[in-house]
Amino acid sequence: MRTSALALLLACLPLGACSNYELATGMDARADTAEADNEASDTGASSDSPTLLRLDVYPSNYADDLENQSQELDYRDSWSDLSIDLDETITISGQVSGFDASPYIDIAVPGDEAEPLSATVRAEIPGYITGAAVETDEDGFWELTLPAADDYLFSVIAKEANLPMYVLPSTSFADGDVVNPVLDYGLPIFGLVQQSDGSTLGEDTWVRLVDPETGVSGPAVAVDDSGHYMLRAAEGTWLVHLEGEGHRYVPTRTETVSVTEEEGSARLDFDMGQLEPTRVYGEIFDASGESASYLPIRFTALDIGDVPGELVIERETTRDGEIDVQLLPGTWQLEALPTFDPEGESSPLLTTFELTGAATLPDITLPGRVELEIRVVDQSDGPVQGVAIAAQERGFDEGIYTTVTDTNGEARLIVPNVALDVRLTPPDATLAITKYGLTDPAAHADATIFWDLAQGQLIQGILHTDDEPVQYAVVQLVDEYDELVGTTTTNADGQFKARVQLDR
């Protein structure tokens, strides 16, 4: 993802159907929705607001005994007089050991001595910033420092050995706890990956186990040259995820399999259909008419007929801006993705096309950028200086383009001519972070855009631990849609104050 000092969350780019070889600019057909609900409230969330607000705390060096953590605020509580006691830090440790199981189809169990393992140990609370991860040392030992919270998801994934993952959901720890996970042999899950004609896919195809309850995934295991694979798992129901390397035309597949102690193993074969790619050529030019050299391009399969699975292929044009790629017959989406450059001339572009055989696409010229004149005002229509404006592409590579308003509340911003999500971040807590949408930036190129900052809802309180204030901590407020709606910093007394726009 392209980066900036500000982070925006984005909505998915709507995909329109295009006839064969028709080109589209990637802008959806909806009217611009450049409005924000600025109704103020200091008493609690409105009926249309999210019911929960997450408070993410990043302690400063003044509280180096605390770890990053999340706290949940309920809409039924008063948000204008909060007193939040942060979780103290605990240390847990242990040693990971396991067995040297055979990685392929010979499912005989070798040896009976557990040995130290190289593994990744992780404890996290899903959906929160609370948690940590560490790699074991050469003797399998590990140590984590964590906030003393409940409902940790604890997992251990072997890095080299093909062994079952170790997963403990909804776990609590006390300071000094010792956990020594042993990764047993587990039960084999094996199978054959092949095409309809019985041929195999060769190298660069991988499978991995995923726990359907927690989403924890195990290490990737290569499918061998004969098309066989083998994974090891504890008794239960699992997902097996198959994928090819990004430059290949192997679709991504996920299938469910159950394995029991009684059966001793489970077989899951993947019939990939018949993968018969065809060559696609073309040429892309930038906004100035020059060949778009080494331009990143992304092909996403929208419909590849009877071939099951999903497929995304990422390549780049040649030095002369040429496209040369192998794709399966079907309907494809092509995204042209200029390298992020705030001063660049070209915009991303999206097109769809039908492919029935070897084909040459019509020449593609990237659209230019748009210069926007912006004025940001408060609820009294007064200019606001120091507002950070961040405009993020919807879809594509999620590029973020930023500027700051001057003393007149005005700013100039050059953006790609694609649908954008805009975030206005005020310089202090008297106004709220406010969001707008621009689905057609070019429609606003000839006039000043006026945006007003929402008054928002007051969120204030104090952070402390052991009756001591948590000084100079960064506080981020995130709604139940996982969108950042406010940010501030505690003072020397642990006090913080922000306003947030919660109505969507």
Protein backbone atom coordinates (compact mmCIF):
# COMPACT_ATOMS: atom_id res chain seq x y z
CA MET A 1 0.00 0.00 0.00
CA ARG A 2 1.27 3.47 -0.76
CA THR A 3 2.00 5.41 2.38
CA SER A 4 1.59 8.90 3.80
CA ALA A 5 1.64 10.59 7.19
CA LEU A 6 -2.12 10.19 7.30
CA ALA A 7 -4.06 6.95 6.88
CA LEU A 8 -7.46 6.65 5.24
CA LEU A 9 -9.77 3.71 5.02
CA LEU A 10 -11.35 3.13 1.66
CA ALA A 11 -14.50 1.74 0.11
CA CYS A 12 -14.23 -0.88 -2.61
CA LEU A 13 -14.22 0.32 -6.19
CA PRO A 14 -17.49 -0.64 -7.92
CA LEU A 15 -16.82 -2.74 -10.97
CA GLY A 16 -18.83 -1.96 -14.08
CA ALA A 17 -19.44 -4.40 -16.89
CA CYS A 18 -17.76 -3.44 -20.15
CA SER A 19 -18.10 -5.02 -23.56
CA ASN A 20 -15.12 -6.58 -25.27
CA TYR A 21 -12.18 -4.13 -25.36
CA GLU A 22 -14.20 -1.23 -24.00
CA LEU A 23 -12.08 0.96 -21.74
CA ALA A 24 -13.24 2.64 -18.54
CA THR A 25 -11.50 5.24 -16.40
CA GLY A 26 -12.21 3.49 -13.11
CA MET A 27 -14.63 6.18 -11.87
CA ASP A 28 -18.03 4.89 -10.83
CA ALA A 29 -21.22 6.44 -12.13
CA ARG A 30 -22.67 7.62 -8.83
CA ALA A 31 -23.11 11.30 -8.04
CA ASP A 32 -20.57 12.86 -5.70
CA THR A 33 -21.51 12.58 -2.04
CA ALA A 34 -19.48 15.46 -0.65
CA GLU A 35 -21.57 15.89 2.47
CA ALA A 36 -20.96 15.26 6.14
CA ASP A 37 -23.42 15.15 9.03
CA ASN A 38 -22.23 17.93 11.33
CA GLU A 39 -24.85 17.61 14.01
CA ALA A 40 -23.16 18.08 17.39
CA SER A 41 -23.76 15.99 20.48
CA ASP A 42 -21.95 15.86 23.79
CA THR A 43 -24.18 13.37 25.57
CA GLY A 44 -23.78 10.06 23.78
CA ALA A 45 -24.11 8.28 20.46
CA SER A 46 -27.17 8.99 18.33
CA SER A 47 -29.50 6.22 17.21
CA ASP A 48 -27.75 6.13 13.83
CA SER A 49 -24.24 6.00 15.32
CA PRO A 50 -22.10 2.93 15.89
CA THR A 51 -22.82 1.31 19.25
CA LEU A 52 -19.18 0.83 20.14
CA LEU A 53 -16.05 2.95 19.95
CA ARG A 54 -12.57 1.50 20.29
CA LEU A 55 -9.88 3.50 21.99
CA ASP A 56 -6.34 2.51 20.88
CA VAL A 57 -3.57 3.69 23.18
CA TYR A 58 0.10 3.96 22.18
CA PRO A 59 2.03 4.83 25.37
CA SER A 60 5.00 7.19 25.16
CA ASN A 61 8.46 6.76 26.65
CA TYR A 62 7.06 8.34 29.81
CA ALA A 63 5.18 5.07 30.34
CA ASP A 64 7.64 2.54 29.00
CA ASP A 65 6.24 -0.08 31.36
CA LEU A 66 2.98 -0.13 29.35
CA GLU A 67 2.27 -1.87 26.04
CA ASN A 68 0.05 -0.76 23.16
CA GLN A 69 -3.53 -1.73 23.93
CA SER A 70 -7.19 -1.23 23.03
CA GLN A 71 -10.11 -0.37 25.27
CA GLU A 72 -13.77 -0.57 24.26
CA LEU A 73 -16.21 2.26 24.96
CA ASP A 74 -19.89 1.38 25.18
CA TYR A 75 -22.41 3.86 23.76
CA ARG A 76 -24.45 3.54 26.95
CA ASP A 77 -21.65 5.14 28.95
CA SER A 78 -20.93 8.84 29.16
CA TRP A 79 -18.14 9.63 26.73
CA SER A 80 -17.46 13.11 28.10
CA ASP A 81 -16.11 12.00 31.50
CA LEU A 82 -14.12 8.83 30.98
CA SER A 83 -11.74 7.32 33.50
CA ILE A 84 -9.80 4.47 31.92
CA ASP A 85 -7.42 2.24 33.84
CA LEU A 86 -4.95 0.72 31.38
CA ASP A 87 -3.89 -2.89 31.72
CA GLU A 88 -0.55 -3.46 33.40
CA THR A 89 2.18 -5.35 31.58
CA ILE A 90 2.83 -9.04 32.13
CA THR A 91 5.52 -11.39 30.82
CA ILE A 92 4.89 -14.91 29.63
CA SER A 93 7.47 -17.34 28.28
CA GLY A 94 8.13 -20.93 27.34
CA GLN A 95 9.75 -23.35 24.92
CA VAL A 96 8.34 -24.76 21.69
CA SER A 97 9.16 -28.36 20.80
CA GLY A 98 7.88 -30.85 18.26
CA PHE A 99 8.54 -33.88 16.13
CA ASP A 100 10.27 -34.38 12.78
CA ALA A 101 7.28 -35.56 10.78
CA SER A 102 7.57 -36.62 7.14
CA PRO A 103 6.45 -33.75 4.90
CA TYR A 104 5.00 -35.79 2.05
CA ILE A 105 2.95 -38.85 1.25
CA ASP A 106 4.80 -41.38 3.38
CA ILE A 107 2.56 -40.97 6.42
CA ALA A 108 4.54 -43.29 8.70
CA VAL A 109 5.38 -41.59 11.99
CA PRO A 110 9.18 -41.28 12.36
CA GLY A 111 10.76 -41.20 15.81
CA ASP A 112 9.25 -40.36 19.16
CA GLU A 113 11.55 -37.65 20.52
CA ALA A 114 10.32 -34.06 20.66
CA GLU A 115 13.01 -31.52 19.79
CA PRO A 116 13.18 -27.71 20.07
CA LEU A 117 11.49 -26.02 17.13
CA SER A 118 11.91 -22.78 15.23
CA ALA A 119 8.46 -21.19 15.36
CA THR A 120 6.46 -17.97 15.50
CA VAL A 121 4.65 -17.43 18.80
CA ARG A 122 1.80 -14.92 18.81
CA ALA A 123 -0.71 -13.68 21.38
CA GLU A 124 -3.27 -11.16 20.14
CA ILE A 125 -6.82 -10.03 20.74
CA PRO A 126 -8.54 -10.12 17.32
CA GLY A 127 -9.69 -6.71 16.15
CA TYR A 128 -7.53 -4.89 18.71
CA ILE A 129 -3.97 -3.58 18.69
CA THR A 130 -3.38 -5.55 21.90
CA GLY A 131 -0.84 -8.31 21.43
CA ALA A 132 2.68 -9.26 20.40
CA ALA A 133 4.60 -11.85 18.41
CA VAL A 134 8.12 -13.25 18.60
CA GLU A 135 10.34 -15.83 16.91
CA THR A 136 11.79 -18.59 19.07
CA ASP A 137 15.54 -18.77 19.53
CA GLU A 138 17.61 -21.70 18.30
CA ASP A 139 16.61 -23.74 21.36
CA GLY A 140 12.89 -23.04 20.95
CA PHE A 141 12.67 -20.54 23.82
CA TRP A 142 10.46 -17.45 23.61
CA GLU A 143 9.19 -14.56 25.76
CA LEU A 144 6.35 -12.06 25.25
CA THR A 145 5.36 -8.90 27.13
CA LEU A 146 1.63 -8.18 26.94
CA PRO A 147 -1.11 -6.12 28.58
CA ALA A 148 -2.89 -8.16 31.27
CA ALA A 149 -6.08 -8.59 29.22
CA ASP A 150 -8.54 -11.41 28.58
CA ASP A 151 -9.54 -13.29 25.42
CA TYR A 152 -6.13 -13.65 23.82
CA LEU A 153 -5.78 -15.77 20.71
CA PHE A 154 -2.54 -17.68 21.28
CA SER A 155 -0.91 -19.48 18.35
CA VAL A 156 2.32 -21.25 17.52
CA ILE A 157 3.28 -21.87 13.89
CA ALA A 158 6.33 -23.97 13.01
CA LYS A 159 8.60 -22.19 10.55
CA GLU A 160 10.28 -25.14 8.88
CA ALA A 161 8.77 -28.42 10.07
CA ASN A 162 5.47 -29.56 8.53
CA LEU A 163 3.58 -29.89 11.82
CA PRO A 164 0.11 -28.96 13.07
CA MET A 165 -0.47 -25.41 14.25
CA TYR A 166 -1.02 -24.87 17.97
CA VAL A 167 -4.01 -22.62 18.67
CA LEU A 168 -5.60 -21.57 21.99
CA PRO A 169 -8.58 -19.21 21.55
CA SER A 170 -10.00 -16.98 24.34
CA THR A 171 -7.04 -17.43 26.65
CA SER A 172 -6.00 -15.36 29.68
CA PHE A 173 -2.50 -15.15 31.10
CA ALA A 174 -0.98 -14.12 34.43
CA ASP A 175 2.43 -12.57 34.92
CA GLY A 176 5.11 -15.24 34.89
CA ASP A 177 3.03 -17.90 33.15
CA VAL A 178 5.11 -20.55 31.38
CA VAL A 179 3.63 -22.15 28.27
CA ASN A 180 5.53 -24.99 26.60
CA PRO A 181 3.67 -25.90 23.41
CA VAL A 182 4.41 -29.29 21.91
CA LEU A 183 3.57 -29.67 18.23
CA ASP A 184 2.63 -33.32 17.89
CA TYR A 185 2.61 -35.26 14.63
CA GLY A 186 -1.07 -34.63 14.13
CA LEU A 187 -3.01 -36.36 11.36
CA PRO A 188 -2.08 -36.26 7.67
CA ILE A 189 -4.21 -34.32 5.21
CA PHE A 190 -2.97 -35.17 1.75
CA GLY A 191 -4.05 -35.03 -1.84
CA LEU A 192 -3.35 -34.51 -5.49
CA VAL A 193 -3.45 -31.25 -7.42
CA GLN A 194 -4.03 -31.80 -11.10
CA GLN A 195 -5.83 -30.59 -14.21
CA SER A 196 -8.82 -32.30 -15.82
CA ASP A 197 -6.57 -34.17 -18.25
CA GLY A 198 -4.54 -35.61 -15.38
CA SER A 199 -1.50 -33.37 -15.86
CA THR A 200 0.07 -31.64 -12.87
CA LEU A 201 0.84 -27.94 -12.42
CA GLY A 202 4.52 -28.23 -11.72
CA GLU A 203 6.43 -26.02 -9.32
CA ASP A 204 5.39 -22.82 -7.53
CA THR A 205 2.05 -24.13 -6.25
CA TRP A 206 1.51 -24.06 -2.49
CA VAL A 207 -1.00 -25.22 0.10
CA ARG A 208 -1.54 -24.18 3.70
CA LEU A 209 -3.95 -24.98 6.52
CA VAL A 210 -6.29 -22.33 7.91
CA ASP A 211 -8.26 -22.63 11.14
CA PRO A 212 -11.84 -21.70 10.13
CA GLU A 213 -12.73 -20.54 13.65
CA THR A 214 -9.85 -18.13 14.24
CA GLY A 215 -8.38 -17.47 10.79
CA VAL A 216 -4.93 -18.56 11.94
CA SER A 217 -2.99 -20.03 9.03
CA GLY A 218 -0.10 -22.43 9.00
CA PRO A 219 3.08 -22.35 6.92
CA ALA A 220 2.97 -22.75 3.15
CA VAL A 221 3.90 -26.23 1.93
CA ALA A 222 4.97 -26.78 -1.68
CA VAL A 223 3.10 -29.15 -3.96
CA ASP A 224 5.71 -31.57 -5.32
CA ASP A 225 6.49 -32.20 -8.99
CA SER A 226 4.08 -35.14 -9.10
CA GLY A 227 1.24 -32.92 -7.89
CA HIS A 228 1.07 -34.35 -4.37
CA TYR A 229 0.99 -32.45 -1.10
CA MET A 230 0.72 -33.30 2.57
CA LEU A 231 -0.18 -31.24 5.62
CA ARG A 232 -0.56 -32.23 9.25
CA ALA A 233 -3.38 -31.12 11.51
CA ALA A 234 -5.08 -31.85 14.80
CA GLU A 235 -8.43 -33.64 14.69
CA GLY A 236 -11.17 -31.36 13.43
CA THR A 237 -12.41 -29.41 10.42
CA TRP A 238 -9.94 -27.28 8.50
CA LEU A 239 -9.60 -25.14 5.42
CA VAL A 240 -6.95 -26.00 2.86
CA HIS A 241 -5.86 -22.95 0.88
CA LEU A 242 -4.12 -23.46 -2.47
CA GLU A 243 -2.40 -20.76 -4.50
CA GLY A 244 0.17 -20.30 -7.23
CA GLU A 245 2.94 -17.74 -7.41
CA GLY A 246 1.77 -14.27 -8.45
CA HIS A 247 3.19 -14.48 -11.99
CA ARG A 248 1.41 -17.76 -12.79
CA TYR A 249 -2.12 -18.50 -13.92
CA VAL A 250 -3.06 -20.96 -11.13
CA PRO A 251 -6.32 -19.86 -9.45
CA THR A 252 -6.52 -19.56 -5.69
CA ARG A 253 -8.77 -22.19 -4.10
CA THR A 254 -9.99 -22.85 -0.56
CA GLU A 255 -11.69 -26.15 0.35
CA THR A 256 -12.95 -27.65 3.61
CA VAL A 257 -11.75 -31.00 4.96
CA SER A 258 -12.35 -32.92 8.19
CA VAL A 259 -9.89 -35.35 9.74
CA THR A 260 -10.55 -37.68 12.69
CA GLU A 261 -8.45 -39.89 14.94
CA GLU A 262 -10.66 -42.80 13.96
CA GLU A 263 -9.95 -42.39 10.24
CA GLY A 264 -6.30 -41.53 10.86
CA SER A 265 -5.97 -39.26 7.82
CA ALA A 266 -8.00 -37.37 5.22
CA ARG A 267 -7.62 -36.96 1.49
CA LEU A 268 -8.50 -33.78 -0.40
CA ASP A 269 -7.77 -33.58 -4.11
CA PHE A 270 -7.92 -30.39 -6.16
CA ASP A 271 -9.30 -30.65 -9.70
CA MET A 272 -8.17 -27.37 -11.22
CA GLY A 273 -10.10 -27.76 -14.46
CA GLN A 274 -8.09 -27.35 -17.64
CA LEU A 275 -5.77 -24.37 -17.47
CA GLU A 276 -5.06 -23.34 -21.05
CA PRO A 277 -3.70 -19.80 -21.03
CA THR A 278 -3.52 -17.59 -24.08
CA ARG A 279 -1.22 -14.67 -24.81
CA VAL A 280 -2.38 -11.07 -24.46
CA TYR A 281 -0.50 -8.12 -25.93
CA GLY A 282 -1.00 -4.37 -25.72
CA GLU A 283 0.68 -1.04 -25.11
CA ILE A 284 0.15 1.63 -22.46
CA PHE A 285 1.01 5.31 -22.72
CA ASP A 286 1.21 7.83 -19.89
CA ALA A 287 -0.78 11.09 -19.80
CA SER A 288 1.90 12.89 -21.81
CA GLY A 289 1.76 10.31 -24.61
CA GLU A 290 5.06 8.62 -23.78
CA SER A 291 5.39 4.86 -23.39
CA ALA A 292 4.57 3.85 -19.81
CA SER A 293 7.78 1.97 -19.05
CA TYR A 294 7.81 -0.67 -16.30
CA LEU A 295 4.29 0.29 -15.25
CA PRO A 296 2.75 -2.05 -12.63
CA ILE A 297 -0.38 -3.72 -14.02
CA ARG A 298 -2.83 -6.03 -12.27
CA PHE A 299 -5.17 -8.52 -13.95
CA THR A 300 -8.13 -9.81 -11.92
CA ALA A 301 -10.30 -12.63 -13.24
CA LEU A 302 -13.99 -11.74 -13.08
CA ASP A 303 -15.15 -14.92 -14.83
CA ILE A 304 -12.93 -17.74 -16.08
CA GLY A 305 -15.69 -20.14 -17.07
CA ASP A 306 -15.57 -23.65 -15.63
CA VAL A 307 -12.20 -23.11 -13.97
CA PRO A 308 -12.85 -22.84 -10.21
CA GLY A 309 -11.18 -20.35 -7.89
CA GLU A 310 -9.99 -16.75 -7.92
CA LEU A 311 -7.05 -15.40 -9.84
CA VAL A 312 -5.03 -12.17 -9.65
CA ILE A 313 -1.87 -11.74 -11.73
CA GLU A 314 0.51 -8.83 -11.17
CA ARG A 315 3.04 -7.88 -13.81
CA GLU A 316 4.60 -4.74 -15.27
CA THR A 317 4.95 -3.38 -18.78
CA THR A 318 8.22 -3.64 -20.68
CA ARG A 319 10.65 -0.75 -21.12
CA ASP A 320 8.60 0.21 -24.19
CA GLY A 321 5.31 0.16 -22.25
CA GLU A 322 4.18 -3.13 -23.78
CA ILE A 323 1.88 -5.73 -22.23
CA ASP A 324 2.85 -9.38 -22.70
CA VAL A 325 1.08 -11.80 -20.38
CA GLN A 326 -0.57 -15.22 -20.38
CA LEU A 327 -4.20 -15.30 -19.19
CA LEU A 328 -6.97 -17.87 -19.11
CA PRO A 329 -9.96 -17.28 -21.39
CA GLY A 330 -12.74 -15.32 -19.71
CA THR A 331 -13.62 -11.85 -18.46
CA TRP A 332 -10.78 -9.84 -16.97
CA GLN A 333 -10.24 -6.56 -15.21
CA LEU A 334 -7.01 -4.69 -15.95
CA GLU A 335 -5.69 -2.02 -13.60
CA ALA A 336 -2.83 0.23 -14.71
CA LEU A 337 -1.07 1.50 -11.58
CA PRO A 338 1.36 4.41 -11.99
CA THR A 339 4.08 4.42 -9.35
CA PHE A 340 3.05 6.73 -6.52
CA ASP A 341 4.34 10.26 -7.09
CA PRO A 342 2.54 13.31 -5.64
CA GLU A 343 3.86 15.39 -8.55
CA GLY A 344 3.17 12.78 -11.23
CA GLU A 345 1.07 13.41 -14.34
CA SER A 346 -0.84 10.15 -14.83
CA SER A 347 -3.85 8.64 -13.07
CA PRO A 348 -4.60 4.95 -12.55
CA LEU A 349 -6.96 3.36 -15.02
CA LEU A 350 -9.35 0.41 -14.92
CA THR A 351 -10.71 -1.49 -17.91
CA THR A 352 -12.43 -4.81 -18.46
CA PHE A 353 -12.16 -7.06 -21.49
CA GLU A 354 -13.31 -10.43 -22.80
CA LEU A 355 -10.67 -12.93 -23.85
CA THR A 356 -11.41 -15.94 -26.04
CA GLY A 357 -7.98 -16.47 -27.58
CA ALA A 358 -4.70 -14.74 -28.30
CA ALA A 359 -5.46 -11.02 -28.57
CA THR A 360 -3.97 -7.56 -28.81
CA LEU A 361 -5.70 -4.91 -26.73
CA PRO A 362 -6.29 -1.42 -28.16
CA ASP A 363 -3.68 1.13 -27.09
CA ILE A 364 -4.34 2.45 -23.58
CA THR A 365 -3.57 6.03 -22.56
CA LEU A 366 -3.63 6.90 -18.88
CA PRO A 367 -5.77 9.90 -17.90
CA GLY A 368 -4.11 12.98 -16.45
CA ARG A 369 -4.34 14.37 -12.95
CA VAL A 370 -6.74 17.01 -11.63
CA GLU A 371 -5.86 20.14 -9.64
CA LEU A 372 -8.37 20.92 -6.90
CA GLU A 373 -8.83 24.21 -5.08
CA ILE A 374 -10.20 23.57 -1.59
CA ARG A 375 -11.48 25.76 1.25
CA VAL A 376 -12.20 24.30 4.67
CA VAL A 377 -14.43 26.13 7.13
CA ASP A 378 -15.85 25.58 10.61
CA GLN A 379 -19.50 25.51 11.60
CA SER A 380 -19.62 29.32 11.44
CA ASP A 381 -18.14 29.34 7.91
CA GLY A 382 -14.86 30.66 9.27
CA PRO A 383 -11.63 29.43 7.64
CA VAL A 384 -9.65 26.76 9.50
CA GLN A 385 -5.87 26.80 9.25
CA GLY A 386 -3.75 23.69 9.60
CA VAL A 387 -6.32 21.12 8.46
CA ALA A 388 -4.58 18.04 7.08
CA ILE A 389 -6.35 16.91 3.91
CA ALA A 390 -5.77 13.34 2.74
CA ALA A 391 -7.41 11.99 -0.41
CA GLN A 392 -7.15 8.25 -1.02
CA GLU A 393 -7.89 6.30 -4.16
CA ARG A 394 -10.80 3.90 -3.93
CA GLY A 395 -9.26 0.66 -5.08
CA PHE A 396 -6.18 0.57 -7.31
CA ASP A 397 -3.13 0.85 -5.01
CA GLU A 398 -4.93 3.03 -2.44
CA GLY A 399 -2.59 5.97 -3.05
CA ILE A 400 -2.89 8.85 -0.56
CA TYR A 401 -2.39 12.50 -1.59
CA THR A 402 -2.03 15.11 1.13
CA THR A 403 -1.89 18.82 1.76
CA VAL A 404 -2.56 21.32 4.60
CA THR A 405 -4.78 24.42 4.62
CA ASP A 406 -3.24 27.89 4.97
CA THR A 407 -4.35 30.84 7.09
CA ASN A 408 -7.36 31.33 4.80
CA GLY A 409 -8.41 27.70 5.16
CA GLU A 410 -7.38 27.15 1.55
CA ALA A 411 -5.30 24.44 -0.07
CA ARG A 412 -4.30 23.17 -3.48
CA LEU A 413 -4.16 19.44 -4.14
CA ILE A 414 -3.28 17.54 -7.32
CA VAL A 415 -5.00 14.16 -7.38
CA PRO A 416 -5.58 11.32 -9.83
CA ASN A 417 -8.86 11.49 -11.73
CA VAL A 418 -10.43 8.52 -9.94
CA ALA A 419 -12.94 8.15 -7.14
CA LEU A 420 -11.46 9.35 -3.84
CA ASP A 421 -12.22 9.14 -0.14
CA VAL A 422 -11.21 12.35 1.63
CA ARG A 423 -10.37 12.78 5.30
CA LEU A 424 -10.09 16.23 6.92
CA THR A 425 -8.12 16.19 10.18
CA PRO A 426 -8.42 19.42 12.21
CA PRO A 427 -5.39 20.86 14.03
CA ASP A 428 -6.97 20.51 17.49
CA ALA A 429 -9.82 18.87 19.39
CA THR A 430 -12.38 21.65 18.88
CA LEU A 431 -13.60 20.00 15.68
CA ALA A 432 -13.90 16.42 14.46
CA ILE A 433 -12.14 14.43 11.76
CA THR A 434 -14.59 14.72 8.87
CA LYS A 435 -14.95 12.50 5.80
CA TYR A 436 -16.11 13.30 2.29
CA GLY A 437 -16.26 11.48 -1.02
CA LEU A 438 -15.31 12.58 -4.53
CA THR A 439 -16.43 10.18 -7.23
CA ASP A 440 -15.53 12.53 -10.09
CA PRO A 441 -12.67 14.91 -9.19
CA ALA A 442 -12.62 16.42 -12.71
CA ALA A 443 -16.14 17.75 -12.16
CA HIS A 444 -14.71 20.06 -9.48
CA ALA A 445 -11.63 21.27 -11.35
CA ASP A 446 -13.10 24.64 -12.33
CA ALA A 447 -14.49 25.75 -8.96
CA THR A 448 -13.41 25.89 -5.34
CA ILE A 449 -14.62 22.97 -3.23
CA PHE A 450 -16.05 24.08 0.12
CA TRP A 451 -15.86 21.54 2.93
CA ASP A 452 -16.95 22.20 6.49
CA LEU A 453 -15.57 20.38 9.50
CA ALA A 454 -18.08 18.55 11.68
CA GLN A 455 -18.54 19.69 15.26
CA GLY A 456 -18.73 16.04 16.23
CA GLN A 457 -19.28 14.41 19.58
CA LEU A 458 -17.07 15.18 22.56
CA ILE A 459 -14.89 12.34 23.84
CA GLN A 460 -12.77 13.22 26.85
CA GLY A 461 -11.35 11.66 29.95
CA ILE A 462 -8.20 10.51 31.68
CA LEU A 463 -5.89 7.53 31.24
CA HIS A 464 -4.16 6.11 34.26
CA THR A 465 -2.50 2.99 35.62
CA ASP A 466 -1.96 2.23 39.32
CA ASP A 467 -3.50 5.67 40.04
CA GLU A 468 -0.73 7.34 38.00
CA PRO A 469 -1.57 9.38 34.87
CA VAL A 470 -0.44 8.01 31.51
CA GLN A 471 1.43 10.97 30.07
CA TYR A 472 1.74 11.96 26.41
CA ALA A 473 0.21 8.79 25.00
CA VAL A 474 -1.22 8.80 21.49
CA VAL A 475 -4.94 8.01 21.56
CA GLN A 476 -6.78 6.91 18.43
CA LEU A 477 -10.55 6.48 18.29
CA VAL A 478 -11.83 3.79 15.92
CA ASP A 479 -15.48 3.02 15.21
CA GLU A 480 -17.07 -0.41 14.88
CA TYR A 481 -16.48 -0.31 11.13
CA ASP A 482 -12.74 -0.18 11.93
CA GLU A 483 -12.45 3.39 10.65
CA LEU A 484 -10.32 6.00 12.39
CA VAL A 485 -12.62 8.79 13.58
CA GLY A 486 -10.40 10.72 15.99
CA THR A 487 -6.88 11.12 17.28
CA THR A 488 -5.33 13.07 20.14
CA THR A 489 -2.60 12.93 22.81
CA THR A 490 -2.83 12.84 26.58
CA ASN A 491 -1.29 15.72 28.55
CA ALA A 492 0.96 15.60 31.61
CA ASP A 493 -2.07 14.73 33.74
CA GLY A 494 -3.17 11.88 31.47
CA GLN A 495 -6.13 13.87 30.16
CA PHE A 496 -7.29 13.64 26.57
CA LYS A 497 -9.99 15.31 24.52
CA ALA A 498 -11.27 14.80 20.98
CA ARG A 499 -14.35 15.23 18.88
CA VAL A 500 -15.53 12.49 16.55
CA GLN A 501 -18.02 12.34 13.70
CA LEU A 502 -19.88 9.07 14.26
CA ASP A 503 -22.92 9.38 12.01
CA ARG A 504 -22.31 7.58 8.70
